[in-house]
């Protein structure tokens, strides 16, 4: 039988600000029943409490790929995430053969609908990265499985996922693939698909795109709310045609997420992104692969072989031909937060906002990271240096990495 517990610290960071000398009461069900302050009793406290992280772009970790794994393997991966400060995440698909993708979506839907152990991160929905991506900016996504935008195909994917798709990365330009590519009977423009998905409550993020500024603006007008791994797999910035990247950095209507590992984006541009989007619109992601937390070697991302060397994950088939194509990262949100602070000088409160509250806001689910009476007591504890030292899921401490 779980007992009522109390957590204290020098400071509590919330979405609204911070509270000094917090005293947080947690009931036997793991919910917050009250937040007070006791400066006299806690004068010697040096630690900080804040919301757990929300990873909206996650392909795998601990040797486990979300599209290939069994339920038991996914439980192991979810325990790994919890040990690195993540309470909720979106398992993310990679472009693959359609039947393979449909099967993966069905398995992930079952995972979302199953009971989750208290020491595991919770899968809160599915992010589909592809198949509606630009051929010229496909990155690791296999060209032969990319598709033109199709409302019919999207509905089929959502049906396989039993309505659990919450986020879709899509290239906003009208023709994402050469016209000679394999066709579908019911094509749509990207903006039509964005409008259709948004009407169902699915958030749309523009990325893997060679689009122009006009394409990005049309996507925003149709309902797109974010941009996927800013700078990566995007038309480069041009001073006469800002393209998708210039629009993402300039337009305050968009959130913009970024892989802060020092490999995908140089620290100089991490600083530019932070200045452009500000503390309210910047989101930290991992784009983590199954190799995260594992030694160098060969792994799989969806149906694509990947070779990991140090901090780099390369598409194996390209690497064999002397081409270095990044396939994702081996990053955790714990280290993304640490890197952001090193690269930019950001405070812990801002870094936590980018890894927790901003992704929740982008998804329209602010309550997922809320710290108030009635909310789950999902909290990270940091020492005086800002290093993660403990994670509590529903008030229960889990072992940290």
Protein backbone atom coordinates (compact mmCIF):
# COMPACT_ATOMS: atom_id res chain seq x y z
CA UNK A 1 0.00 0.00 0.00
CA UNK A 2 1.47 3.34 -1.07
CA UNK A 3 1.68 6.07 1.54
CA UNK A 4 1.12 9.79 1.31
CA UNK A 5 4.48 11.52 0.80
CA UNK A 6 5.90 15.03 0.89
CA UNK A 7 8.61 16.45 -1.38
CA UNK A 8 10.57 19.59 -0.58
CA UNK A 9 13.25 21.67 -2.31
CA UNK A 10 14.82 25.11 -2.49
CA UNK A 11 12.80 25.95 -5.61
CA UNK A 12 9.95 24.58 -7.70
CA UNK A 13 9.87 25.45 -11.42
CA UNK A 14 6.39 25.44 -12.98
CA UNK A 15 4.94 26.53 -16.32
CA UNK A 16 3.85 29.78 -14.69
CA UNK A 17 7.07 30.65 -12.87
CA UNK A 18 8.75 29.40 -9.71
CA UNK A 19 8.10 28.99 -6.00
CA UNK A 20 10.75 29.21 -3.30
CA UNK A 21 10.94 26.59 -0.54
CA UNK A 22 8.11 24.40 -1.89
CA UNK A 23 6.37 21.73 0.17
CA UNK A 24 4.47 19.35 -2.13
CA UNK A 25 1.93 16.93 -0.67
CA UNK A 26 1.27 13.77 -2.71
CA UNK A 27 -1.54 11.31 -1.98
CA UNK A 28 -1.45 7.51 -2.13
CA UNK A 29 -2.61 7.63 -5.77
CA UNK A 30 0.38 9.74 -6.81
CA UNK A 31 -1.50 13.00 -7.27
CA UNK A 32 -0.52 16.41 -5.92
CA UNK A 33 -2.86 17.37 -3.09
CA UNK A 34 -1.26 20.66 -2.15
CA UNK A 35 1.71 22.96 -2.72
CA UNK A 36 2.86 25.23 0.07
CA UNK A 37 6.03 27.03 1.11
CA UNK A 38 8.09 26.78 4.32
CA UNK A 39 11.17 29.07 4.19
CA UNK A 40 12.05 28.59 7.84
CA UNK A 41 12.19 24.78 7.75
CA UNK A 42 13.85 24.59 4.33
CA UNK A 43 16.48 27.30 4.64
CA UNK A 44 19.30 24.83 3.99
CA UNK A 45 17.75 23.25 0.86
CA UNK A 46 19.78 23.64 -2.36
CA UNK A 47 17.88 21.48 -4.85
CA UNK A 48 15.25 22.25 -7.48
CA UNK A 49 12.09 20.41 -8.48
CA UNK A 50 10.51 20.74 -11.92
CA UNK A 51 8.18 18.90 -14.30
CA UNK A 52 9.38 15.71 -15.94
CA UNK A 53 10.28 15.88 -19.62
CA UNK A 54 8.04 15.17 -22.61
CA UNK A 55 9.88 13.68 -25.63
CA UNK A 56 7.75 14.22 -28.75
CA UNK A 57 10.23 12.68 -31.23
CA UNK A 58 11.51 9.30 -30.09
CA UNK A 59 12.37 6.28 -32.28
CA UNK A 60 13.95 4.10 -29.61
CA UNK A 61 16.60 3.57 -26.94
CA UNK A 62 18.39 0.87 -24.96
CA UNK A 63 18.73 -1.27 -28.10
CA UNK A 64 14.98 -1.18 -28.77
CA UNK A 65 13.27 0.30 -31.84
CA UNK A 66 9.64 1.38 -31.38
CA UNK A 67 8.54 -0.02 -34.75
CA UNK A 68 10.04 -3.47 -34.19
CA UNK A 69 9.83 -4.14 -30.48
CA UNK A 70 7.71 -6.51 -28.42
CA UNK A 71 5.65 -5.19 -25.48
CA UNK A 72 8.25 -6.46 -23.01
CA UNK A 73 11.07 -4.73 -24.91
CA UNK A 74 9.10 -1.48 -24.99
CA UNK A 75 8.65 -1.68 -21.23
CA UNK A 76 12.43 -1.91 -20.89
CA UNK A 77 12.82 1.16 -23.12
CA UNK A 78 10.22 3.07 -21.12
CA UNK A 79 12.12 2.36 -17.91
CA UNK A 80 15.25 3.74 -19.62
CA UNK A 81 13.35 6.93 -20.50
CA UNK A 82 12.08 7.33 -16.95
CA UNK A 83 15.62 7.02 -15.61
CA UNK A 84 16.54 9.98 -17.81
CA UNK A 85 13.73 12.22 -16.57
CA UNK A 86 10.97 11.51 -19.13
CA UNK A 87 7.42 10.93 -17.89
CA UNK A 88 5.65 10.95 -21.27
CA UNK A 89 6.78 10.47 -24.86
CA UNK A 90 5.50 10.03 -28.41
CA UNK A 91 6.84 6.85 -30.04
CA UNK A 92 7.78 8.00 -33.54
CA UNK A 93 7.57 6.04 -36.76
CA UNK A 94 10.01 6.19 -39.67
CA UNK A 95 9.01 5.86 -43.31
CA UNK A 96 8.89 2.14 -44.11
CA UNK A 97 6.87 -0.32 -46.23
CA UNK A 98 3.18 0.38 -45.71
CA UNK A 99 2.24 -3.00 -44.25
CA UNK A 100 5.18 -2.79 -41.86
CA UNK A 101 4.07 0.70 -40.76
CA UNK A 102 0.45 -0.37 -40.30
CA UNK A 103 1.54 -3.28 -38.13
CA UNK A 104 3.78 -1.01 -36.05
CA UNK A 105 0.96 1.49 -35.52
CA UNK A 106 -1.34 -1.28 -34.32
CA UNK A 107 1.28 -2.51 -31.82
CA UNK A 108 1.95 1.03 -30.58
CA UNK A 109 -1.79 1.62 -30.13
CA UNK A 110 -1.94 -1.48 -27.95
CA UNK A 111 1.01 -0.17 -25.94
CA UNK A 112 -0.75 3.15 -25.36
CA UNK A 113 -3.93 1.39 -24.27
CA UNK A 114 -2.16 -1.00 -21.88
CA UNK A 115 -1.43 -0.43 -18.20
CA UNK A 116 1.99 1.14 -17.65
CA UNK A 117 4.15 0.30 -14.66
CA UNK A 118 4.87 3.20 -12.33
CA UNK A 119 8.60 3.13 -13.14
CA UNK A 120 8.04 3.60 -16.90
CA UNK A 121 7.56 6.62 -19.14
CA UNK A 122 4.04 6.71 -20.55
CA UNK A 123 3.41 6.59 -24.36
CA UNK A 124 0.98 9.47 -24.77
CA UNK A 125 0.32 9.19 -28.51
CA UNK A 126 2.12 8.51 -31.79
CA UNK A 127 4.22 10.80 -33.96
CA UNK A 128 4.37 9.76 -37.62
CA UNK A 129 7.50 11.09 -39.33
CA UNK A 130 6.60 10.35 -42.91
CA UNK A 131 5.64 9.04 -45.34
CA UNK A 132 4.60 12.50 -46.61
CA UNK A 133 8.10 13.95 -46.95
CA UNK A 134 10.18 15.65 -49.63
CA UNK A 135 12.25 13.33 -51.77
CA UNK A 136 15.13 15.79 -51.90
CA UNK A 137 15.18 16.30 -48.11
CA UNK A 138 14.30 12.78 -47.05
CA UNK A 139 17.43 12.24 -44.93
CA UNK A 140 17.38 8.63 -43.76
CA UNK A 141 13.83 7.93 -44.97
CA UNK A 142 13.91 5.38 -47.82
CA UNK A 143 12.93 7.01 -51.11
CA UNK A 144 10.93 4.02 -52.34
CA UNK A 145 8.46 4.26 -49.42
CA UNK A 146 7.77 8.00 -49.49
CA UNK A 147 4.24 8.94 -50.53
CA UNK A 148 2.43 11.90 -52.00
CA UNK A 149 0.06 13.57 -49.51
CA UNK A 150 -3.13 11.51 -49.34
CA UNK A 151 -6.10 11.97 -47.04
CA UNK A 152 -7.13 8.38 -47.71
CA UNK A 153 -3.72 7.04 -46.69
CA UNK A 154 -3.56 9.25 -43.61
CA UNK A 155 -6.98 7.97 -42.52
CA UNK A 156 -5.76 4.42 -43.03
CA UNK A 157 -2.73 5.12 -40.83
CA UNK A 158 -4.90 6.73 -38.17
CA UNK A 159 -7.29 3.78 -38.27
CA UNK A 160 -4.40 1.36 -37.70
CA UNK A 161 -3.30 3.55 -34.80
CA UNK A 162 -6.87 3.52 -33.43
CA UNK A 163 -6.90 7.31 -33.31
CA UNK A 164 -3.67 7.65 -31.34
CA UNK A 165 -1.67 9.68 -33.91
CA UNK A 166 -1.15 13.05 -32.21
CA UNK A 167 1.64 14.55 -34.34
CA UNK A 168 2.56 14.31 -38.03
CA UNK A 169 5.68 15.62 -39.74
CA UNK A 170 4.86 16.64 -43.31
CA UNK A 171 6.66 18.51 -46.10
CA UNK A 172 4.46 21.53 -46.96
CA UNK A 173 5.33 21.86 -50.64
CA UNK A 174 2.70 20.72 -53.12
CA UNK A 175 4.80 18.01 -54.78
CA UNK A 176 6.90 16.17 -52.24
CA UNK A 177 7.99 13.53 -54.78
CA UNK A 178 8.83 13.54 -58.48
CA UNK A 179 5.69 13.03 -60.57
CA UNK A 180 7.11 9.77 -61.93
CA UNK A 181 7.19 8.22 -58.47
CA UNK A 182 4.76 5.48 -57.38
CA UNK A 183 1.28 6.98 -57.28
CA UNK A 184 -1.86 6.77 -55.21
CA UNK A 185 -5.44 7.13 -56.39
CA UNK A 186 -6.39 9.93 -54.00
CA UNK A 187 -3.65 12.49 -53.84
CA UNK A 188 -4.12 15.76 -52.01
CA UNK A 189 -2.03 18.86 -51.59
CA UNK A 190 0.00 19.03 -48.40
CA UNK A 191 -2.15 21.91 -47.20
CA UNK A 192 -5.32 19.88 -47.72
CA UNK A 193 -3.89 17.04 -45.67
CA UNK A 194 -2.71 19.44 -42.95
CA UNK A 195 -6.20 20.93 -42.79
CA UNK A 196 -7.78 17.46 -42.66
CA UNK A 197 -5.46 16.14 -39.93
CA UNK A 198 -5.70 19.34 -37.87
CA UNK A 199 -9.49 19.10 -37.90
CA UNK A 200 -9.09 15.71 -36.18
CA UNK A 201 -6.89 17.19 -33.45
CA UNK A 202 -3.61 15.95 -34.95
CA UNK A 203 -0.86 18.55 -34.69
CA UNK A 204 1.10 19.05 -37.91
CA UNK A 205 4.80 19.89 -37.98
CA UNK A 206 6.53 20.95 -41.18
CA UNK A 207 9.86 19.33 -41.96
CA UNK A 208 11.91 17.15 -44.30
CA UNK A 209 11.15 19.88 -46.79
CA UNK A 210 12.64 21.76 -49.72
CA UNK A 211 9.72 24.17 -49.50
CA UNK A 212 9.72 27.89 -50.19
CA UNK A 213 8.45 30.57 -47.84
CA UNK A 214 5.08 30.52 -49.61
CA UNK A 215 4.75 26.79 -48.92
CA UNK A 216 5.51 27.26 -45.24
CA UNK A 217 3.03 30.13 -44.92
CA UNK A 218 0.32 28.09 -46.65
CA UNK A 219 0.94 25.24 -44.23
CA UNK A 220 0.63 27.57 -41.24
CA UNK A 221 -2.61 28.99 -42.62
CA UNK A 222 -3.88 25.41 -43.02
CA UNK A 223 -3.14 24.60 -39.38
CA UNK A 224 0.54 23.61 -39.03
CA UNK A 225 1.81 24.56 -35.57
CA UNK A 226 5.45 23.49 -35.44
CA UNK A 227 8.62 22.60 -37.33
CA UNK A 228 10.54 19.33 -37.07
CA UNK A 229 14.27 19.29 -36.16
CA UNK A 230 14.97 22.87 -37.19
CA UNK A 231 17.88 23.28 -39.64
CA UNK A 232 18.04 19.54 -40.40
CA UNK A 233 16.43 18.24 -43.61
CA UNK A 234 15.35 21.76 -44.62
CA UNK A 235 16.10 24.00 -47.59
CA UNK A 236 19.11 26.10 -46.55
CA UNK A 237 18.53 29.74 -45.65
CA UNK A 238 18.87 32.13 -48.59
CA UNK A 239 18.77 35.91 -48.27
CA UNK A 240 16.40 36.30 -51.25
CA UNK A 241 14.24 33.20 -50.63
CA UNK A 242 13.95 32.57 -46.87
CA UNK A 243 12.38 29.18 -47.56
CA UNK A 244 10.97 27.00 -44.83
CA UNK A 245 13.89 27.65 -42.45
CA UNK A 246 13.68 31.44 -42.62
CA UNK A 247 9.93 31.25 -42.08
CA UNK A 248 10.28 28.91 -39.11
CA UNK A 249 12.78 31.22 -37.41
CA UNK A 250 10.77 34.36 -38.17
CA UNK A 251 7.11 33.40 -37.68
CA UNK A 252 5.93 33.52 -34.08
CA UNK A 253 2.95 31.31 -34.88
CA UNK A 254 5.21 28.27 -35.10
CA UNK A 255 6.90 26.26 -32.41
CA UNK A 256 10.26 24.91 -33.58
CA UNK A 257 12.01 21.85 -32.19
CA UNK A 258 15.72 21.09 -32.35
CA UNK A 259 18.17 18.23 -31.72
CA UNK A 260 20.61 19.78 -29.22
CA UNK A 261 23.44 17.25 -29.38
CA UNK A 262 26.15 19.40 -30.97
CA UNK A 263 26.19 17.02 -33.95
CA UNK A 264 22.99 17.88 -35.82
CA UNK A 265 23.24 21.64 -35.21
CA UNK A 266 26.31 23.72 -34.43
CA UNK A 267 26.11 25.56 -31.08
CA UNK A 268 26.21 28.91 -32.92
CA UNK A 269 22.95 28.04 -34.65
CA UNK A 270 21.48 26.62 -31.44
CA UNK A 271 21.97 30.12 -30.03
CA UNK A 272 20.36 31.67 -33.11
CA UNK A 273 17.36 29.32 -32.80
CA UNK A 274 16.95 30.20 -29.13
CA UNK A 275 17.05 33.92 -29.87
CA UNK A 276 14.60 33.59 -32.77
CA UNK A 277 11.99 31.40 -31.08
CA UNK A 278 12.38 32.56 -27.50
CA UNK A 279 11.53 30.64 -24.34
CA UNK A 280 7.86 30.15 -25.31
CA UNK A 281 8.23 28.58 -28.78
CA UNK A 282 11.47 26.53 -28.69
CA UNK A 283 11.22 22.78 -28.07
CA UNK A 284 14.00 20.30 -27.30
CA UNK A 285 13.72 16.86 -28.91
CA UNK A 286 15.98 13.84 -29.17
CA UNK A 287 15.16 12.07 -32.47
CA UNK A 288 16.67 9.19 -30.49
CA UNK A 289 17.31 5.81 -32.10
CA UNK A 290 17.52 2.35 -30.58
CA UNK A 291 21.28 2.89 -30.19
CA UNK A 292 20.70 5.53 -27.50
CA UNK A 293 22.39 4.33 -24.32
CA UNK A 294 24.17 1.56 -26.23
CA UNK A 295 27.75 1.01 -27.49
CA UNK A 296 28.89 1.66 -31.05
CA UNK A 297 27.63 -0.87 -33.57
CA UNK A 298 24.88 -1.73 -36.03
CA UNK A 299 21.23 -1.07 -35.25
CA UNK A 300 17.88 -0.70 -37.01
CA UNK A 301 15.59 2.33 -37.32
CA UNK A 302 12.25 1.08 -38.60
CA UNK A 303 13.32 -0.99 -41.59
CA UNK A 304 16.58 0.92 -42.16
CA UNK A 305 20.00 -0.34 -40.96
CA UNK A 306 21.99 2.26 -39.01
CA UNK A 307 25.66 2.35 -37.96
CA UNK A 308 26.60 4.20 -34.77
CA UNK A 309 30.07 5.67 -34.30
CA UNK A 310 30.46 7.79 -31.19
CA UNK A 311 27.84 10.53 -31.17
CA UNK A 312 26.98 9.93 -34.85
CA UNK A 313 24.34 7.59 -36.24
CA UNK A 314 24.76 7.02 -39.98
CA UNK A 315 22.57 5.32 -42.60
CA UNK A 316 24.54 2.12 -43.14
CA UNK A 317 23.90 1.77 -46.89
CA UNK A 318 25.06 5.34 -47.52
CA UNK A 319 28.09 4.93 -45.27
CA UNK A 320 29.18 1.90 -47.29
CA UNK A 321 29.32 4.17 -50.35
CA UNK A 322 31.25 6.93 -48.61
CA UNK A 323 28.21 9.14 -47.93
CA UNK A 324 27.51 10.35 -44.41
CA UNK A 325 23.75 10.66 -43.85
CA UNK A 326 22.66 11.26 -40.28
CA UNK A 327 19.93 8.85 -39.26
CA UNK A 328 18.85 10.37 -35.96
CA UNK A 329 20.62 10.76 -32.64
CA UNK A 330 21.80 8.90 -29.55
CA UNK A 331 20.66 11.80 -27.38
CA UNK A 332 18.51 11.80 -24.23
CA UNK A 333 16.45 14.81 -23.15
CA UNK A 334 18.50 14.83 -19.96
CA UNK A 335 21.61 15.57 -22.03
CA UNK A 336 19.75 17.90 -24.41
CA UNK A 337 18.89 20.09 -21.43
CA UNK A 338 22.49 20.00 -20.24
CA UNK A 339 23.79 20.82 -23.74
CA UNK A 340 21.38 23.73 -24.16
CA UNK A 341 22.66 25.28 -20.96
CA UNK A 342 26.29 24.79 -22.01
CA UNK A 343 25.77 26.05 -25.59
CA UNK A 344 23.59 29.07 -24.78
CA UNK A 345 23.89 29.92 -21.09
CA UNK A 346 20.16 29.32 -20.61
CA UNK A 347 18.91 28.87 -17.07
CA UNK A 348 17.44 25.62 -15.82
CA UNK A 349 13.93 27.11 -15.83
CA UNK A 350 14.14 27.93 -19.55
CA UNK A 351 15.67 24.57 -20.44
CA UNK A 352 12.93 22.71 -18.55
CA UNK A 353 10.28 24.75 -20.34
CA UNK A 354 11.73 23.69 -23.70
CA UNK A 355 11.86 20.01 -22.70
CA UNK A 356 8.52 19.80 -20.88
CA UNK A 357 6.03 22.66 -20.98
CA UNK A 358 6.54 23.85 -24.57
CA UNK A 359 6.04 20.41 -26.21
CA UNK A 360 2.91 19.96 -24.08
CA UNK A 361 1.62 23.37 -25.17
CA UNK A 362 2.34 22.62 -28.84
CA UNK A 363 0.29 19.43 -28.56
CA UNK A 364 -2.55 21.31 -26.89
CA UNK A 365 -2.06 19.27 -23.70
CA UNK A 366 -0.62 21.67 -21.14
CA UNK A 367 -2.04 19.50 -18.37
CA UNK A 368 0.52 16.79 -19.21
CA UNK A 369 3.28 18.79 -17.51
CA UNK A 370 1.17 20.82 -15.11
CA UNK A 371 2.29 20.96 -11.47
CA UNK A 372 -0.80 21.89 -9.48
CA UNK A 373 -3.33 20.32 -7.17
CA UNK A 374 -4.91 17.26 -8.81
CA UNK A 375 -2.07 16.71 -11.31
CA UNK A 376 0.15 13.59 -11.29
CA UNK A 377 3.29 14.15 -9.22
CA UNK A 378 5.73 13.68 -12.11
CA UNK A 379 8.80 15.61 -11.04
CA UNK A 380 12.51 15.84 -11.72
CA UNK A 381 14.94 16.83 -9.00
CA UNK A 382 18.16 18.75 -9.76
CA UNK A 383 21.15 19.54 -7.57
CA UNK A 384 22.47 23.07 -7.11
CA UNK A 385 24.47 22.75 -10.35
CA UNK A 386 21.35 21.87 -12.36
CA UNK A 387 22.24 18.19 -12.78
CA UNK A 388 19.33 15.73 -12.78
CA UNK A 389 19.63 13.55 -9.66
CA UNK A 390 16.16 12.03 -9.18
CA UNK A 391 12.86 11.43 -10.99
CA UNK A 392 9.48 10.86 -9.39
CA UNK A 393 6.62 9.31 -11.35
CA UNK A 394 3.31 9.70 -9.53
CA UNK A 395 5.34 10.56 -6.47
CA UNK A 396 7.43 7.38 -6.54
CA UNK A 397 11.17 7.77 -7.04
CA UNK A 398 12.71 5.81 -9.91
CA UNK A 399 16.39 4.99 -10.27
CA UNK A 400 18.23 7.54 -12.41
CA UNK A 401 21.01 6.82 -14.88
